[in-house]
Amino acid sequence: MSKPSFARKNFFIDRNLQGRYMITFLVPMLIMLVFMILTLYLASQTIISTSSKIMKREVENIITVQTQDRLEPTAEQYADILEQIRFKVGDFGNLGDIRREFAGTLLWVFGAGIFLVVLQIVMMTVFFSHKLAGPVFRFEKACRSMISGDYGDVIVLRKGDQMLGLATLLNEATKASGQRIADLEAKVAELEGKNK
Protein backbone atom coordinates (compact mmCIF):
# COMPACT_ATOMS: atom_id res chain seq x y z
CA MET A 1 0.00 0.00 0.00
CA SER A 2 1.59 3.26 -1.10
CA LYS A 3 1.33 6.46 0.89
CA PRO A 4 -0.47 9.35 -0.78
CA SER A 5 1.86 11.90 -2.28
CA PHE A 6 1.42 15.46 -1.12
CA ALA A 7 3.55 17.16 -3.73
CA ARG A 8 3.17 20.91 -3.68
CA LYS A 9 1.95 22.12 -7.05
CA ASN A 10 1.25 25.73 -6.15
CA PHE A 11 3.62 27.68 -3.93
CA PHE A 12 1.34 30.73 -3.75
CA ILE A 13 -1.67 29.64 -1.72
CA ASP A 14 -2.55 33.03 -0.25
CA ARG A 15 -0.96 35.52 -2.62
CA ASN A 16 -1.82 38.51 -0.47
CA LEU A 17 -0.29 37.13 2.74
CA GLN A 18 2.71 35.57 1.01
CA GLY A 19 3.27 38.68 -1.09
CA ARG A 20 3.26 40.89 2.01
CA TYR A 21 5.77 38.60 3.71
CA MET A 22 7.97 38.48 0.64
CA ILE A 23 8.02 42.29 0.45
CA THR A 24 8.36 42.58 4.21
CA PHE A 25 11.51 40.46 4.18
CA LEU A 26 12.83 41.46 0.76
CA VAL A 27 12.95 45.22 1.39
CA PRO A 28 14.96 45.00 4.66
CA MET A 29 17.28 42.40 3.12
CA LEU A 30 17.92 44.74 0.17
CA ILE A 31 18.56 47.58 2.62
CA MET A 32 20.96 45.34 4.50
CA LEU A 33 22.69 44.37 1.24
CA VAL A 34 23.10 48.03 0.28
CA PHE A 35 24.40 48.75 3.78
CA MET A 36 26.98 45.95 3.51
CA ILE A 37 28.08 47.22 0.08
CA LEU A 38 28.46 50.71 1.55
CA THR A 39 30.41 49.24 4.47
CA LEU A 40 32.76 47.44 2.07
CA TYR A 41 33.13 50.65 0.05
CA LEU A 42 33.88 52.63 3.22
CA ALA A 43 36.38 49.99 4.32
CA SER A 44 38.19 50.08 0.98
CA GLN A 45 38.24 53.88 1.00
CA THR A 46 39.54 53.83 4.56
CA ILE A 47 42.30 51.39 3.60
CA ILE A 48 43.31 53.54 0.65
CA SER A 49 43.25 56.70 2.76
CA THR A 50 45.16 55.08 5.61
CA SER A 51 47.80 53.58 3.32
CA SER A 52 48.24 56.92 1.54
CA LYS A 53 48.70 58.73 4.86
CA ILE A 54 51.17 56.13 6.10
CA MET A 55 53.14 56.18 2.85
CA LYS A 56 53.18 59.98 2.81
CA ARG A 57 54.45 60.02 6.40
CA GLU A 58 57.15 57.45 5.62
CA VAL A 59 58.31 59.34 2.50
CA GLU A 60 58.35 62.64 4.41
CA ASN A 61 60.40 61.00 7.17
CA ILE A 62 62.96 59.72 4.65
CA ILE A 63 63.22 63.11 2.94
CA THR A 64 63.46 64.96 6.26
CA VAL A 65 66.16 62.67 7.64
CA GLN A 66 68.22 62.74 4.43
CA THR A 67 68.00 66.49 3.81
CA GLN A 68 67.91 67.99 7.30
CA ASP A 69 71.56 69.10 7.48
CA ARG A 70 72.11 69.77 3.78
CA LEU A 71 71.37 73.12 2.18
CA GLU A 72 71.74 71.88 -1.38
CA PRO A 73 71.69 68.09 -1.76
CA THR A 74 73.68 66.63 -4.62
CA ALA A 75 72.31 64.44 -7.40
CA GLU A 76 73.80 61.37 -5.67
CA GLN A 77 72.02 62.28 -2.45
CA TYR A 78 68.71 62.67 -4.36
CA ALA A 79 69.36 59.30 -5.98
CA ASP A 80 69.98 57.82 -2.51
CA ILE A 81 66.71 59.39 -1.24
CA LEU A 82 64.82 57.97 -4.25
CA GLU A 83 66.38 54.55 -3.68
CA GLN A 84 65.28 54.61 -0.02
CA ILE A 85 61.77 55.70 -1.04
CA ARG A 86 61.65 52.94 -3.68
CA PHE A 87 62.74 50.41 -1.05
CA LYS A 88 60.14 51.72 1.44
CA VAL A 89 57.37 51.49 -1.18
CA GLY A 90 58.45 47.96 -2.12
CA ASP A 91 58.56 46.91 1.51
CA PHE A 92 55.34 48.74 2.38
CA GLY A 93 53.11 45.64 2.77
CA ASN A 94 55.63 43.85 5.00
CA LEU A 95 55.75 46.42 7.77
CA GLY A 96 54.18 45.22 11.01
CA ASP A 97 53.03 48.68 12.09
CA ILE A 98 51.18 49.16 8.82
CA ARG A 99 49.49 45.78 9.13
CA ARG A 100 48.39 46.59 12.68
CA GLU A 101 47.05 49.98 11.58
CA PHE A 102 45.13 48.37 8.69
CA ALA A 103 43.77 45.66 10.96
CA GLY A 104 42.63 48.22 13.53
CA THR A 105 40.93 50.32 10.86
CA LEU A 106 39.21 47.32 9.27
CA LEU A 107 38.09 45.97 12.64
CA TRP A 108 36.56 49.33 13.47
CA VAL A 109 34.74 49.67 10.12
CA PHE A 110 33.55 46.06 9.91
CA GLY A 111 32.79 45.88 13.64
CA ALA A 112 30.53 48.91 13.40
CA GLY A 113 28.94 47.53 10.22
CA ILE A 114 28.30 44.10 11.68
CA PHE A 115 26.90 45.64 14.88
CA LEU A 116 24.44 47.73 12.87
CA VAL A 117 23.42 44.75 10.71
CA VAL A 118 22.83 42.58 13.81
CA LEU A 119 20.84 45.41 15.39
CA GLN A 120 18.72 45.70 12.23
CA ILE A 121 18.11 41.93 12.15
CA VAL A 122 17.06 41.91 15.82
CA MET A 123 14.68 44.82 15.27
CA MET A 124 13.22 43.19 12.13
CA THR A 125 12.64 39.85 13.83
CA VAL A 126 10.99 41.46 16.86
CA PHE A 127 8.76 43.63 14.65
CA PHE A 128 7.77 40.85 12.23
CA SER A 129 7.30 38.18 14.87
CA HIS A 130 5.07 40.59 16.83
CA LYS A 131 2.79 40.96 13.80
CA LEU A 132 2.39 37.18 13.72
CA ALA A 133 2.72 36.19 17.39
CA GLY A 134 0.00 38.62 18.53
CA PRO A 135 -2.70 37.06 16.33
CA VAL A 136 -1.57 33.51 17.20
CA PHE A 137 -1.84 34.37 20.92
CA ARG A 138 -5.32 35.81 20.33
CA PHE A 139 -6.41 32.69 18.40
CA GLU A 140 -5.19 30.45 21.22
CA LYS A 141 -7.13 32.52 23.76
CA ALA A 142 -10.31 32.29 21.64
CA CYS A 143 -9.88 28.52 21.28
CA ARG A 144 -9.51 28.15 25.07
CA SER A 145 -12.71 30.17 25.52
CA MET A 146 -14.56 27.86 23.11
CA ILE A 147 -13.23 24.78 24.92
CA SER A 148 -14.54 26.17 28.20
CA GLY A 149 -17.94 26.78 26.58
CA ASP A 150 -17.77 30.55 25.97
CA TYR A 151 -18.77 31.18 22.35
CA GLY A 152 -19.14 34.93 22.76
CA ASP A 153 -15.40 35.74 22.55
CA VAL A 154 -14.70 37.79 19.43
CA ILE A 155 -11.21 37.94 17.96
CA VAL A 156 -10.17 41.55 17.31
CA LEU A 157 -6.78 42.13 15.70
CA ARG A 158 -4.85 45.36 15.36
CA LYS A 159 -4.43 47.13 12.07
CA GLY A 160 -1.45 45.63 10.25
CA ASP A 161 -1.61 42.28 12.04
CA GLN A 162 -1.42 39.19 9.87
CA MET A 163 -4.18 36.61 9.43
CA LEU A 164 -7.14 39.01 9.48
CA GLY A 165 -9.00 36.61 7.16
CA LEU A 166 -8.47 33.73 9.57
CA ALA A 167 -9.69 35.90 12.46
CA THR A 168 -12.88 36.68 10.54
CA LEU A 169 -13.37 33.00 9.71
CA LEU A 170 -12.83 31.92 13.34
CA ASN A 171 -15.26 34.59 14.53
CA GLU A 172 -17.89 33.27 12.10
CA ALA A 173 -17.19 29.65 13.15
CA THR A 174 -17.44 30.58 16.84
CA LYS A 175 -20.70 32.44 16.28
CA ALA A 176 -22.19 29.60 14.21
CA SER A 177 -21.07 26.97 16.74
CA GLY A 178 -22.48 29.01 19.62
CA GLN A 179 -25.78 29.40 17.78
CA ARG A 180 -25.96 25.66 17.02
CA ILE A 181 -25.24 24.77 20.64
CA ALA A 182 -27.89 27.26 21.81
CA ASP A 183 -30.37 25.74 19.33
CA LEU A 184 -29.53 22.22 20.54
CA GLU A 185 -29.91 23.25 24.18
CA ALA A 186 -33.29 24.81 23.36
CA LYS A 187 -34.40 21.60 21.60
CA VAL A 188 -33.21 19.48 24.53
CA ALA A 189 -35.07 21.76 26.96
CA GLU A 190 -38.20 21.56 24.77
CA LEU A 191 -38.01 17.77 24.59
CA GLU A 192 -37.44 17.48 28.32
CA GLY A 193 -40.45 19.77 28.88
CA LYS A 194 -42.66 17.52 26.73
CA ASN A 195 -41.51 14.37 28.53
CA LYS A 196 -42.49 15.67 31.97
C-alpha atoms as a PDB file:
ATOM      1  CA  MET A   1       0.000   0.000   0.000  1.00  0.00           C
ATOM      2  CA  SER A   2       1.591   3.262  -1.096  1.00  0.00           C
ATOM      3  CA  LYS A   3       1.335   6.462   0.890  1.00  0.00           C
ATOM      4  CA  PRO A   4      -0.470   9.346  -0.776  1.00  0.00           C
ATOM      5  CA  SER A   5       1.864  11.904  -2.275  1.00  0.00           C
ATOM      6  CA  PHE A   6       1.420  15.461  -1.119  1.00  0.00           C
ATOM      7  CA  ALA A   7       3.554  17.156  -3.730  1.00  0.00           C
ATOM      8  CA  ARG A   8       3.171  20.910  -3.675  1.00  0.00           C
ATOM      9  CA  LYS A   9       1.954  22.121  -7.054  1.00  0.00           C
ATOM     10  CA  ASN A  10       1.251  25.733  -6.155  1.00  0.00           C
ATOM     11  CA  PHE A  11       3.615  27.678  -3.927  1.00  0.00           C
ATOM     12  CA  PHE A  12       1.343  30.732  -3.748  1.00  0.00           C
ATOM     13  CA  ILE A  13      -1.666  29.637  -1.723  1.00  0.00           C
ATOM     14  CA  ASP A  14      -2.549  33.025  -0.249  1.00  0.00           C
ATOM     15  CA  ARG A  15      -0.956  35.520  -2.625  1.00  0.00           C
ATOM     16  CA  ASN A  16      -1.822  38.510  -0.466  1.00  0.00           C
ATOM     17  CA  LEU A  17      -0.285  37.129   2.742  1.00  0.00           C
ATOM     18  CA  GLN A  18       2.711  35.571   1.013  1.00  0.00           C
ATOM     19  CA  GLY A  19       3.272  38.683  -1.089  1.00  0.00           C
ATOM     20  CA  ARG A  20       3.260  40.886   2.014  1.00  0.00           C
ATOM     21  CA  TYR A  21       5.765  38.604   3.712  1.00  0.00           C
ATOM     22  CA  MET A  22       7.971  38.485   0.644  1.00  0.00           C
ATOM     23  CA  ILE A  23       8.024  42.287   0.448  1.00  0.00           C
ATOM     24  CA  THR A  24       8.359  42.580   4.211  1.00  0.00           C
ATOM     25  CA  PHE A  25      11.510  40.465   4.181  1.00  0.00           C
ATOM     26  CA  LEU A  26      12.827  41.464   0.760  1.00  0.00           C
ATOM     27  CA  VAL A  27      12.952  45.222   1.391  1.00  0.00           C
ATOM     28  CA  PRO A  28      14.964  44.995   4.658  1.00  0.00           C
ATOM     29  CA  MET A  29      17.279  42.402   3.117  1.00  0.00           C
ATOM     30  CA  LEU A  30      17.923  44.735   0.174  1.00  0.00           C
ATOM     31  CA  ILE A  31      18.557  47.582   2.615  1.00  0.00           C
ATOM     32  CA  MET A  32      20.961  45.336   4.505  1.00  0.00           C
ATOM     33  CA  LEU A  33      22.692  44.370   1.239  1.00  0.00           C
ATOM     34  CA  VAL A  34      23.100  48.029   0.278  1.00  0.00           C
ATOM     35  CA  PHE A  35      24.403  48.748   3.777  1.00  0.00           C
ATOM     36  CA  MET A  36      26.976  45.952   3.507  1.00  0.00           C
ATOM     37  CA  ILE A  37      28.080  47.224   0.080  1.00  0.00           C
ATOM     38  CA  LEU A  38      28.464  50.713   1.553  1.00  0.00           C
ATOM     39  CA  THR A  39      30.408  49.240   4.472  1.00  0.00           C
ATOM     40  CA  LEU A  40      32.761  47.445   2.067  1.00  0.00           C
ATOM     41  CA  TYR A  41      33.133  50.645   0.051  1.00  0.00           C
ATOM     42  CA  LEU A  42      33.875  52.626   3.217  1.00  0.00           C
ATOM     43  CA  ALA A  43      36.379  49.992   4.324  1.00  0.00           C
ATOM     44  CA  SER A  44      38.186  50.079   0.983  1.00  0.00           C
ATOM     45  CA  GLN A  45      38.240  53.880   0.995  1.00  0.00           C
ATOM     46  CA  THR A  46      39.544  53.832   4.563  1.00  0.00           C
ATOM     47  CA  ILE A  47      42.295  51.388   3.597  1.00  0.00           C
ATOM     48  CA  ILE A  48      43.312  53.543   0.652  1.00  0.00           C
ATOM     49  CA  SER A  49      43.251  56.697   2.759  1.00  0.00           C
ATOM     50  CA  THR A  50      45.163  55.076   5.614  1.00  0.00           C
ATOM     51  CA  SER A  51      47.795  53.576   3.321  1.00  0.00           C
ATOM     52  CA  SER A  52      48.238  56.919   1.538  1.00  0.00           C
ATOM     53  CA  LYS A  53      48.700  58.731   4.856  1.00  0.00           C
ATOM     54  CA  ILE A  54      51.170  56.132   6.096  1.00  0.00           C
ATOM     55  CA  MET A  55      53.140  56.177   2.846  1.00  0.00           C
ATOM     56  CA  LYS A  56      53.184  59.976   2.810  1.00  0.00           C
ATOM     57  CA  ARG A  57      54.449  60.019   6.399  1.00  0.00           C
ATOM     58  CA  GLU A  58      57.152  57.454   5.616  1.00  0.00           C
ATOM     59  CA  VAL A  59      58.315  59.339   2.503  1.00  0.00           C
ATOM     60  CA  GLU A  60      58.350  62.643   4.414  1.00  0.00           C
ATOM     61  CA  ASN A  61      60.402  61.002   7.170  1.00  0.00           C
ATOM     62  CA  ILE A  62      62.955  59.721   4.646  1.00  0.00           C
ATOM     63  CA  ILE A  63      63.218  63.108   2.937  1.00  0.00           C
ATOM     64  CA  THR A  64      63.459  64.959   6.264  1.00  0.00           C
ATOM     65  CA  VAL A  65      66.160  62.665   7.640  1.00  0.00           C
ATOM     66  CA  GLN A  66      68.224  62.739   4.430  1.00  0.00           C
ATOM     67  CA  THR A  67      68.004  66.490   3.812  1.00  0.00           C
ATOM     68  CA  GLN A  68      67.913  67.989   7.299  1.00  0.00           C
ATOM     69  CA  ASP A  69      71.557  69.105   7.477  1.00  0.00           C
ATOM     70  CA  ARG A  70      72.107  69.766   3.778  1.00  0.00           C
ATOM     71  CA  LEU A  71      71.370  73.119   2.177  1.00  0.00           C
ATOM     72  CA  GLU A  72      71.738  71.880  -1.381  1.00  0.00           C
ATOM     73  CA  PRO A  73      71.695  68.092  -1.763  1.00  0.00           C
ATOM     74  CA  THR A  74      73.684  66.632  -4.617  1.00  0.00           C
ATOM     75  CA  ALA A  75      72.312  64.436  -7.401  1.00  0.00           C
ATOM     76  CA  GLU A  76      73.797  61.373  -5.675  1.00  0.00           C
ATOM     77  CA  GLN A  77      72.022  62.282  -2.449  1.00  0.00           C
ATOM     78  CA  TYR A  78      68.714  62.667  -4.361  1.00  0.00           C
ATOM     79  CA  ALA A  79      69.365  59.298  -5.982  1.00  0.00           C
ATOM     80  CA  ASP A  80      69.976  57.821  -2.510  1.00  0.00           C
ATOM     81  CA  ILE A  81      66.712  59.390  -1.240  1.00  0.00           C
ATOM     82  CA  LEU A  82      64.820  57.969  -4.249  1.00  0.00           C
ATOM     83  CA  GLU A  83      66.380  54.547  -3.676  1.00  0.00           C
ATOM     84  CA  GLN A  84      65.285  54.611  -0.016  1.00  0.00           C
ATOM     85  CA  ILE A  85      61.772  55.701  -1.042  1.00  0.00           C
ATOM     86  CA  ARG A  86      61.650  52.940  -3.677  1.00  0.00           C
ATOM     87  CA  PHE A  87      62.744  50.405  -1.053  1.00  0.00           C
ATOM     88  CA  LYS A  88      60.137  51.719   1.435  1.00  0.00           C
ATOM     89  CA  VAL A  89      57.365  51.494  -1.177  1.00  0.00           C
ATOM     90  CA  GLY A  90      58.450  47.956  -2.120  1.00  0.00           C
ATOM     91  CA  ASP A  91      58.557  46.906   1.513  1.00  0.00           C
ATOM     92  CA  PHE A  92      55.337  48.738   2.375  1.00  0.00           C
ATOM     93  CA  GLY A  93      53.115  45.642   2.766  1.00  0.00           C
ATOM     94  CA  ASN A  94      55.630  43.854   5.001  1.00  0.00           C
ATOM     95  CA  LEU A  95      55.748  46.425   7.774  1.00  0.00           C
ATOM     96  CA  GLY A  96      54.176  45.219  11.014  1.00  0.00           C
ATOM     97  CA  ASP A  97      53.029  48.685  12.085  1.00  0.00           C
ATOM     98  CA  ILE A  98      51.181  49.160   8.821  1.00  0.00           C
ATOM     99  CA  ARG A  99      49.493  45.784   9.134  1.00  0.00           C
ATOM    100  CA  ARG A 100      48.388  46.589  12.682  1.00  0.00           C
ATOM    101  CA  GLU A 101      47.054  49.980  11.577  1.00  0.00           C
ATOM    102  CA  PHE A 102      45.130  48.374   8.690  1.00  0.00           C
ATOM    103  CA  ALA A 103      43.772  45.656  10.958  1.00  0.00           C
ATOM    104  CA  GLY A 104      42.629  48.222  13.526  1.00  0.00           C
ATOM    105  CA  THR A 105      40.929  50.316  10.858  1.00  0.00           C
ATOM    106  CA  LEU A 106      39.212  47.319   9.274  1.00  0.00           C
ATOM    107  CA  LEU A 107      38.091  45.974  12.636  1.00  0.00           C
ATOM    108  CA  TRP A 108      36.558  49.330  13.468  1.00  0.00           C
ATOM    109  CA  VAL A 109      34.739  49.671  10.124  1.00  0.00           C
ATOM    110  CA  PHE A 110      33.546  46.057   9.911  1.00  0.00           C
ATOM    111  CA  GLY A 111      32.793  45.876  13.636  1.00  0.00           C
ATOM    112  CA  ALA A 112      30.530  48.910  13.398  1.00  0.00           C
ATOM    113  CA  GLY A 113      28.940  47.531  10.217  1.00  0.00           C
ATOM    114  CA  ILE A 114      28.296  44.102  11.684  1.00  0.00           C
ATOM    115  CA  PHE A 115      26.902  45.641  14.880  1.00  0.00           C
ATOM    116  CA  LEU A 116      24.444  47.734  12.865  1.00  0.00           C
ATOM    117  CA  VAL A 117      23.423  44.749  10.713  1.00  0.00           C
ATOM    118  CA  VAL A 118      22.834  42.577  13.808  1.00  0.00           C
ATOM    119  CA  LEU A 119      20.840  45.405  15.390  1.00  0.00           C
ATOM    120  CA  GLN A 120      18.717  45.701  12.233  1.00  0.00           C
ATOM    121  CA  ILE A 121      18.106  41.934  12.148  1.00  0.00           C
ATOM    122  CA  VAL A 122      17.058  41.911  15.818  1.00  0.00           C
ATOM    123  CA  MET A 123      14.681  44.823  15.274  1.00  0.00           C
ATOM    124  CA  MET A 124      13.225  43.187  12.134  1.00  0.00           C
ATOM    125  CA  THR A 125      12.640  39.850  13.828  1.00  0.00           C
ATOM    126  CA  VAL A 126      10.994  41.463  16.856  1.00  0.00           C
ATOM    127  CA  PHE A 127       8.761  43.629  14.647  1.00  0.00           C
ATOM    128  CA  PHE A 128       7.766  40.851  12.231  1.00  0.00           C
ATOM    129  CA  SER A 129       7.302  38.181  14.874  1.00  0.00           C
ATOM    130  CA  HIS A 130       5.068  40.587  16.827  1.00  0.00           C
ATOM    131  CA  LYS A 131       2.792  40.955  13.796  1.00  0.00           C
ATOM    132  CA  LEU A 132       2.392  37.175  13.721  1.00  0.00           C
ATOM    133  CA  ALA A 133       2.717  36.195  17.394  1.00  0.00           C
ATOM    134  CA  GLY A 134       0.000  38.621  18.529  1.00  0.00           C
ATOM    135  CA  PRO A 135      -2.698  37.063  16.327  1.00  0.00           C
ATOM    136  CA  VAL A 136      -1.574  33.508  17.201  1.00  0.00           C
ATOM    137  CA  PHE A 137      -1.842  34.370  20.917  1.00  0.00           C
ATOM    138  CA  ARG A 138      -5.325  35.814  20.332  1.00  0.00           C
ATOM    139  CA  PHE A 139      -6.409  32.692  18.398  1.00  0.00           C
ATOM    140  CA  GLU A 140      -5.191  30.446  21.222  1.00  0.00           C
ATOM    141  CA  LYS A 141      -7.130  32.517  23.758  1.00  0.00           C
ATOM    142  CA  ALA A 142     -10.309  32.290  21.638  1.00  0.00           C
ATOM    143  CA  CYS A 143      -9.885  28.515  21.276  1.00  0.00           C
ATOM    144  CA  ARG A 144      -9.512  28.152  25.068  1.00  0.00           C
ATOM    145  CA  SER A 145     -12.705  30.175  25.518  1.00  0.00           C
ATOM    146  CA  MET A 146     -14.562  27.865  23.114  1.00  0.00           C
ATOM    147  CA  ILE A 147     -13.232  24.777  24.917  1.00  0.00           C
ATOM    148  CA  SER A 148     -14.541  26.174  28.200  1.00  0.00           C
ATOM    149  CA  GLY A 149     -17.936  26.782  26.584  1.00  0.00           C
ATOM    150  CA  ASP A 150     -17.773  30.548  25.965  1.00  0.00           C
ATOM    151  CA  TYR A 151     -18.766  31.176  22.353  1.00  0.00           C
ATOM    152  CA  GLY A 152     -19.139  34.932  22.755  1.00  0.00           C
ATOM    153  CA  ASP A 153     -15.405  35.738  22.548  1.00  0.00           C
ATOM    154  CA  VAL A 154     -14.704  37.786  19.426  1.00  0.00           C
ATOM    155  CA  ILE A 155     -11.207  37.942  17.961  1.00  0.00           C
ATOM    156  CA  VAL A 156     -10.166  41.549  17.313  1.00  0.00           C
ATOM    157  CA  LEU A 157      -6.781  42.133  15.702  1.00  0.00           C
ATOM    158  CA  ARG A 158      -4.853  45.359  15.362  1.00  0.00           C
ATOM    159  CA  LYS A 159      -4.427  47.126  12.072  1.00  0.00           C
ATOM    160  CA  GLY A 160      -1.448  45.632  10.249  1.00  0.00           C
ATOM    161  CA  ASP A 161      -1.610  42.281  12.039  1.00  0.00           C
ATOM    162  CA  GLN A 162      -1.416  39.194   9.875  1.00  0.00           C
ATOM    163  CA  MET A 163      -4.180  36.612   9.433  1.00  0.00           C
ATOM    164  CA  LEU A 164      -7.139  39.007   9.478  1.00  0.00           C
ATOM    165  CA  GLY A 165      -8.997  36.610   7.156  1.00  0.00           C
ATOM    166  CA  LEU A 166      -8.471  33.729   9.573  1.00  0.00           C
ATOM    167  CA  ALA A 167      -9.694  35.903  12.455  1.00  0.00           C
ATOM    168  CA  THR A 168     -12.884  36.678  10.540  1.00  0.00           C
ATOM    169  CA  LEU A 169     -13.374  32.998   9.708  1.00  0.00           C
ATOM    170  CA  LEU A 170     -12.827  31.920  13.336  1.00  0.00           C
ATOM    171  CA  ASN A 171     -15.262  34.592  14.530  1.00  0.00           C
ATOM    172  CA  GLU A 172     -17.892  33.265  12.105  1.00  0.00           C
ATOM    173  CA  ALA A 173     -17.186  29.651  13.146  1.00  0.00           C
ATOM    174  CA  THR A 174     -17.439  30.580  16.842  1.00  0.00           C
ATOM    175  CA  LYS A 175     -20.701  32.441  16.285  1.00  0.00           C
ATOM    176  CA  ALA A 176     -22.185  29.596  14.208  1.00  0.00           C
ATOM    177  CA  SER A 177     -21.066  26.969  16.744  1.00  0.00           C
ATOM    178  CA  GLY A 178     -22.478  29.006  19.620  1.00  0.00           C
ATOM    179  CA  GLN A 179     -25.781  29.400  17.777  1.00  0.00           C
ATOM    180  CA  ARG A 180     -25.955  25.665  17.023  1.00  0.00           C
ATOM    181  CA  ILE A 181     -25.242  24.770  20.639  1.00  0.00           C
ATOM    182  CA  ALA A 182     -27.891  27.264  21.813  1.00  0.00           C
ATOM    183  CA  ASP A 183     -30.370  25.743  19.332  1.00  0.00           C
ATOM    184  CA  LEU A 184     -29.528  22.222  20.542  1.00  0.00           C
ATOM    185  CA  GLU A 185     -29.906  23.254  24.176  1.00  0.00           C
ATOM    186  CA  ALA A 186     -33.291  24.809  23.360  1.00  0.00           C
ATOM    187  CA  LYS A 187     -34.404  21.598  21.605  1.00  0.00           C
ATOM    188  CA  VAL A 188     -33.206  19.483  24.534  1.00  0.00           C
ATOM    189  CA  ALA A 189     -35.066  21.755  26.960  1.00  0.00           C
ATOM    190  CA  GLU A 190     -38.197  21.561  24.770  1.00  0.00           C
ATOM    191  CA  LEU A 191     -38.007  17.775  24.587  1.00  0.00           C
ATOM    192  CA  GLU A 192     -37.437  17.476  28.324  1.00  0.00           C
ATOM    193  CA  GLY A 193     -40.445  19.772  28.884  1.00  0.00           C
ATOM    194  CA  LYS A 194     -42.659  17.523  26.731  1.00  0.00           C
ATOM    195  CA  ASN A 195     -41.514  14.373  28.529  1.00  0.00           C
ATOM    196  CA  LYS A 196     -42.494  15.670  31.968  1.00  0.00           C
END
